[in-house]
Amino acid sequence: MSWDYPSPYILPLRAVSADIDEFDHVNNAVYVRWMEECAWQHSIDLGLGFAEYQALDRGMAVLRHEIDYLASAYEGETFEMATWIAHSDQRLRMDRYFQLVRVSDGVTLLRAKTTFVCIELSSGRPRRMPPEFIKGYGAVMLPEHL
């Protein structure tokens, strides 16, 4: 695949009938679900799953999605969703990039950026990232964004 940035975390995906809307293509909300799944799997791979979030009483909550839908996806097609940690202020905010590519022809269907804010799970209020977040997410941050 031709990725926008080096060393992505990649989640393989397949469009199933439940993903298809009245226009006979993957509904735009499904892409958001796929982005969330990819982000969670990447976090788990970094040792920062929900159990770790609970133990630290911290979590990364979505503040904003910016999504460019570039082409349609259809039932039965397979994809790879890539993600990167693009930037972090190492206090409250972190940005994640996404790119969705159709396996059969390498066409990029989506590019997106999600901004997360660190919250205290027990209160829901913004709180500083714990050292574990800074270390875990920082270890895979795109070098040009450090």
C-alpha atoms as a PDB file:
ATOM      1  CA  MET A   1       0.000   0.000   0.000  1.00  0.00           C
ATOM      2  CA  SER A   2       0.996   3.575  -0.533  1.00  0.00           C
ATOM      3  CA  TRP A   3       0.706   5.158   2.896  1.00  0.00           C
ATOM      4  CA  ASP A   4       0.804   8.881   3.583  1.00  0.00           C
ATOM      5  CA  TYR A   5       3.269   8.388   6.451  1.00  0.00           C
ATOM      6  CA  PRO A   6       5.759   5.684   7.457  1.00  0.00           C
ATOM      7  CA  SER A   7       5.151   2.821   9.876  1.00  0.00           C
ATOM      8  CA  PRO A   8       1.354   2.833  10.219  1.00  0.00           C
ATOM      9  CA  TYR A   9      -0.660   0.661  12.540  1.00  0.00           C
ATOM     10  CA  ILE A  10      -2.945  -1.249  10.145  1.00  0.00           C
ATOM     11  CA  LEU A  11      -6.360  -2.770  10.785  1.00  0.00           C
ATOM     12  CA  PRO A  12      -7.810  -5.041   8.053  1.00  0.00           C
ATOM     13  CA  LEU A  13     -11.517  -4.478   7.379  1.00  0.00           C
ATOM     14  CA  ARG A  14     -14.301  -5.860   5.190  1.00  0.00           C
ATOM     15  CA  ALA A  15     -17.607  -4.192   4.300  1.00  0.00           C
ATOM     16  CA  VAL A  16     -20.587  -6.380   5.220  1.00  0.00           C
ATOM     17  CA  SER A  17     -24.284  -5.952   4.421  1.00  0.00           C
ATOM     18  CA  ALA A  18     -24.996  -4.136   7.719  1.00  0.00           C
ATOM     19  CA  ASP A  19     -22.518  -1.415   6.646  1.00  0.00           C
ATOM     20  CA  ILE A  20     -24.441  -0.592   3.459  1.00  0.00           C
ATOM     21  CA  ASP A  21     -26.957   2.256   3.265  1.00  0.00           C
ATOM     22  CA  GLU A  22     -29.762   3.202   0.875  1.00  0.00           C
ATOM     23  CA  PHE A  23     -27.229   4.430  -1.685  1.00  0.00           C
ATOM     24  CA  ASP A  24     -25.758   0.899  -1.879  1.00  0.00           C
ATOM     25  CA  HIS A  25     -22.391   1.897  -0.450  1.00  0.00           C
ATOM     26  CA  VAL A  26     -20.781   1.954   2.986  1.00  0.00           C
ATOM     27  CA  ASN A  27     -22.521   4.550   5.150  1.00  0.00           C
ATOM     28  CA  ASN A  28     -20.364   7.451   6.302  1.00  0.00           C
ATOM     29  CA  ALA A  29     -21.000   6.618   9.977  1.00  0.00           C
ATOM     30  CA  VAL A  30     -19.380   3.198   9.427  1.00  0.00           C
ATOM     31  CA  TYR A  31     -16.089   4.889   8.568  1.00  0.00           C
ATOM     32  CA  VAL A  32     -16.176   6.622  11.973  1.00  0.00           C
ATOM     33  CA  ARG A  33     -16.802   3.249  13.655  1.00  0.00           C
ATOM     34  CA  TRP A  34     -13.850   1.788  11.744  1.00  0.00           C
ATOM     35  CA  MET A  35     -11.656   4.694  12.828  1.00  0.00           C
ATOM     36  CA  GLU A  36     -12.628   4.114  16.452  1.00  0.00           C
ATOM     37  CA  GLU A  37     -11.925   0.388  16.160  1.00  0.00           C
ATOM     38  CA  CYS A  38      -8.542   1.075  14.576  1.00  0.00           C
ATOM     39  CA  ALA A  39      -7.613   3.627  17.252  1.00  0.00           C
ATOM     40  CA  TRP A  40      -8.594   1.248  20.065  1.00  0.00           C
ATOM     41  CA  GLN A  41      -6.707  -1.685  18.576  1.00  0.00           C
ATOM     42  CA  HIS A  42      -3.636   0.497  18.158  1.00  0.00           C
ATOM     43  CA  SER A  43      -3.909   1.696  21.764  1.00  0.00           C
ATOM     44  CA  ILE A  44      -4.275  -1.886  22.989  1.00  0.00           C
ATOM     45  CA  ASP A  45      -1.212  -2.844  20.935  1.00  0.00           C
ATOM     46  CA  LEU A  46       0.677  -0.046  22.717  1.00  0.00           C
ATOM     47  CA  GLY A  47      -0.368  -1.434  26.123  1.00  0.00           C
ATOM     48  CA  LEU A  48      -3.001   1.270  26.668  1.00  0.00           C
ATOM     49  CA  GLY A  49      -6.311  -0.560  26.561  1.00  0.00           C
ATOM     50  CA  PHE A  50      -9.393   0.198  28.622  1.00  0.00           C
ATOM     51  CA  ALA A  51      -8.105  -1.756  31.646  1.00  0.00           C
ATOM     52  CA  GLU A  52      -5.035   0.498  31.738  1.00  0.00           C
ATOM     53  CA  TYR A  53      -7.235   3.567  31.260  1.00  0.00           C
ATOM     54  CA  GLN A  54      -9.340   2.487  34.257  1.00  0.00           C
ATOM     55  CA  ALA A  55      -6.291   1.816  36.426  1.00  0.00           C
ATOM     56  CA  LEU A  56      -4.937   5.295  35.608  1.00  0.00           C
ATOM     57  CA  ASP A  57      -8.380   6.958  35.841  1.00  0.00           C
ATOM     58  CA  ARG A  58      -7.574   8.601  32.500  1.00  0.00           C
ATOM     59  CA  GLY A  59      -8.772   8.205  28.943  1.00  0.00           C
ATOM     60  CA  MET A  60      -8.462   9.829  25.552  1.00  0.00           C
ATOM     61  CA  ALA A  61     -11.887  11.105  24.450  1.00  0.00           C
ATOM     62  CA  VAL A  62     -12.740  12.404  20.979  1.00  0.00           C
ATOM     63  CA  LEU A  63     -12.890  16.175  20.785  1.00  0.00           C
ATOM     64  CA  ARG A  64     -13.109  16.559  16.997  1.00  0.00           C
ATOM     65  CA  HIS A  65     -13.185  14.523  13.774  1.00  0.00           C
ATOM     66  CA  GLU A  66     -12.105  15.980  10.440  1.00  0.00           C
ATOM     67  CA  ILE A  67     -12.920  13.546   7.629  1.00  0.00           C
ATOM     68  CA  ASP A  68     -12.405  13.721   3.889  1.00  0.00           C
ATOM     69  CA  TYR A  69     -14.492  11.069   2.124  1.00  0.00           C
ATOM     70  CA  LEU A  70     -12.650  10.563  -1.170  1.00  0.00           C
ATOM     71  CA  ALA A  71     -14.347   7.542  -2.785  1.00  0.00           C
ATOM     72  CA  SER A  72     -17.121   5.054  -2.048  1.00  0.00           C
ATOM     73  CA  ALA A  73     -16.761   1.596  -0.550  1.00  0.00           C
ATOM     74  CA  TYR A  74     -19.055  -1.339  -1.366  1.00  0.00           C
ATOM     75  CA  GLU A  75     -20.225  -4.580   0.211  1.00  0.00           C
ATOM     76  CA  GLY A  76     -17.699  -7.387   0.085  1.00  0.00           C
ATOM     77  CA  GLU A  77     -14.694  -5.147  -0.499  1.00  0.00           C
ATOM     78  CA  THR A  78     -11.674  -5.386   1.794  1.00  0.00           C
ATOM     79  CA  PHE A  79      -9.718  -2.461   3.178  1.00  0.00           C
ATOM     80  CA  GLU A  80      -6.829  -1.505   5.367  1.00  0.00           C
ATOM     81  CA  MET A  81      -7.314   1.328   7.845  1.00  0.00           C
ATOM     82  CA  ALA A  82      -3.995   2.875   8.864  1.00  0.00           C
ATOM     83  CA  THR A  83      -3.439   5.180  11.808  1.00  0.00           C
ATOM     84  CA  TRP A  84      -0.605   7.247  13.212  1.00  0.00           C
ATOM     85  CA  ILE A  85      -0.142   9.357  16.315  1.00  0.00           C
ATOM     86  CA  ALA A  86       0.503  12.659  14.594  1.00  0.00           C
ATOM     87  CA  HIS A  87       0.968  15.131  17.422  1.00  0.00           C
ATOM     88  CA  SER A  88       0.651  15.487  21.177  1.00  0.00           C
ATOM     89  CA  ASP A  89       1.103  18.486  23.421  1.00  0.00           C
ATOM     90  CA  GLN A  90       1.895  15.880  26.133  1.00  0.00           C
ATOM     91  CA  ARG A  91      -0.577  17.609  28.422  1.00  0.00           C
ATOM     92  CA  LEU A  92      -4.186  17.362  27.208  1.00  0.00           C
ATOM     93  CA  ARG A  93      -4.418  16.901  23.441  1.00  0.00           C
ATOM     94  CA  MET A  94      -3.339  14.334  20.912  1.00  0.00           C
ATOM     95  CA  ASP A  95      -4.002  14.084  17.162  1.00  0.00           C
ATOM     96  CA  ARG A  96      -4.371  10.854  15.246  1.00  0.00           C
ATOM     97  CA  TYR A  97      -4.321  10.558  11.456  1.00  0.00           C
ATOM     98  CA  PHE A  98      -6.214   7.885   9.522  1.00  0.00           C
ATOM     99  CA  GLN A  99      -6.082   6.626   5.946  1.00  0.00           C
ATOM    100  CA  LEU A 100      -8.451   3.997   4.513  1.00  0.00           C
ATOM    101  CA  VAL A 101      -7.263   2.136   1.415  1.00  0.00           C
ATOM    102  CA  ARG A 102      -9.149  -0.404  -0.705  1.00  0.00           C
ATOM    103  CA  VAL A 103      -6.994  -3.532  -1.000  1.00  0.00           C
ATOM    104  CA  SER A 104      -8.013  -4.482  -4.569  1.00  0.00           C
ATOM    105  CA  ASP A 105      -6.742  -1.308  -6.250  1.00  0.00           C
ATOM    106  CA  GLY A 106      -4.873   0.695  -3.598  1.00  0.00           C
ATOM    107  CA  VAL A 107      -7.274   3.636  -3.836  1.00  0.00           C
ATOM    108  CA  THR A 108      -7.445   5.861  -0.758  1.00  0.00           C
ATOM    109  CA  LEU A 109     -11.105   6.209   0.241  1.00  0.00           C
ATOM    110  CA  LEU A 110     -10.700   8.352   3.339  1.00  0.00           C
ATOM    111  CA  ARG A 111      -8.251  10.605   5.099  1.00  0.00           C
ATOM    112  CA  ALA A 112      -9.068  11.859   8.572  1.00  0.00           C
ATOM    113  CA  LYS A 113      -7.724  13.524  11.655  1.00  0.00           C
ATOM    114  CA  THR A 114      -9.144  13.007  15.127  1.00  0.00           C
ATOM    115  CA  THR A 115      -8.230  15.249  18.028  1.00  0.00           C
ATOM    116  CA  PHE A 116      -8.467  13.632  21.430  1.00  0.00           C
ATOM    117  CA  VAL A 117      -8.434  15.227  24.861  1.00  0.00           C
ATOM    118  CA  CYS A 118      -7.277  13.447  27.998  1.00  0.00           C
ATOM    119  CA  ILE A 119     -10.013  13.143  30.613  1.00  0.00           C
ATOM    120  CA  GLU A 120     -10.281  11.839  34.134  1.00  0.00           C
ATOM    121  CA  LEU A 121     -12.648   8.876  33.797  1.00  0.00           C
ATOM    122  CA  SER A 122     -14.160   9.309  37.276  1.00  0.00           C
ATOM    123  CA  SER A 123     -15.228  12.910  36.639  1.00  0.00           C
ATOM    124  CA  GLY A 124     -15.262  13.289  32.838  1.00  0.00           C
ATOM    125  CA  ARG A 125     -13.190  16.462  33.199  1.00  0.00           C
ATOM    126  CA  PRO A 126     -10.054  17.266  31.203  1.00  0.00           C
ATOM    127  CA  ARG A 127      -6.902  16.234  33.067  1.00  0.00           C
ATOM    128  CA  ARG A 128      -3.196  16.040  32.260  1.00  0.00           C
ATOM    129  CA  MET A 129      -1.964  12.929  30.494  1.00  0.00           C
ATOM    130  CA  PRO A 130      -0.273  10.477  32.826  1.00  0.00           C
ATOM    131  CA  PRO A 131       3.363   9.561  32.088  1.00  0.00           C
ATOM    132  CA  GLU A 132       2.180   6.201  30.711  1.00  0.00           C
ATOM    133  CA  PHE A 133       0.255   7.999  27.929  1.00  0.00           C
ATOM    134  CA  ILE A 134       3.149  10.308  27.124  1.00  0.00           C
ATOM    135  CA  LYS A 135       5.549   7.368  26.914  1.00  0.00           C
ATOM    136  CA  GLY A 136       3.242   4.898  25.107  1.00  0.00           C
ATOM    137  CA  TYR A 137       1.746   7.234  22.523  1.00  0.00           C
ATOM    138  CA  GLY A 138       4.941   9.261  22.234  1.00  0.00           C
ATOM    139  CA  ALA A 139       6.943   6.172  21.283  1.00  0.00           C
ATOM    140  CA  VAL A 140       5.082   5.927  17.960  1.00  0.00           C
ATOM    141  CA  MET A 141       4.484   9.613  17.212  1.00  0.00           C
ATOM    142  CA  LEU A 142       5.409  10.735  13.723  1.00  0.00           C
ATOM    143  CA  PRO A 143       8.936  12.156  14.018  1.00  0.00           C
ATOM    144  CA  GLU A 144       8.199  15.280  11.980  1.00  0.00           C
ATOM    145  CA  HIS A 145       5.482  16.201  14.481  1.00  0.00           C
ATOM    146  CA  LEU A 146       7.544  15.983  17.676  1.00  0.00           C
END
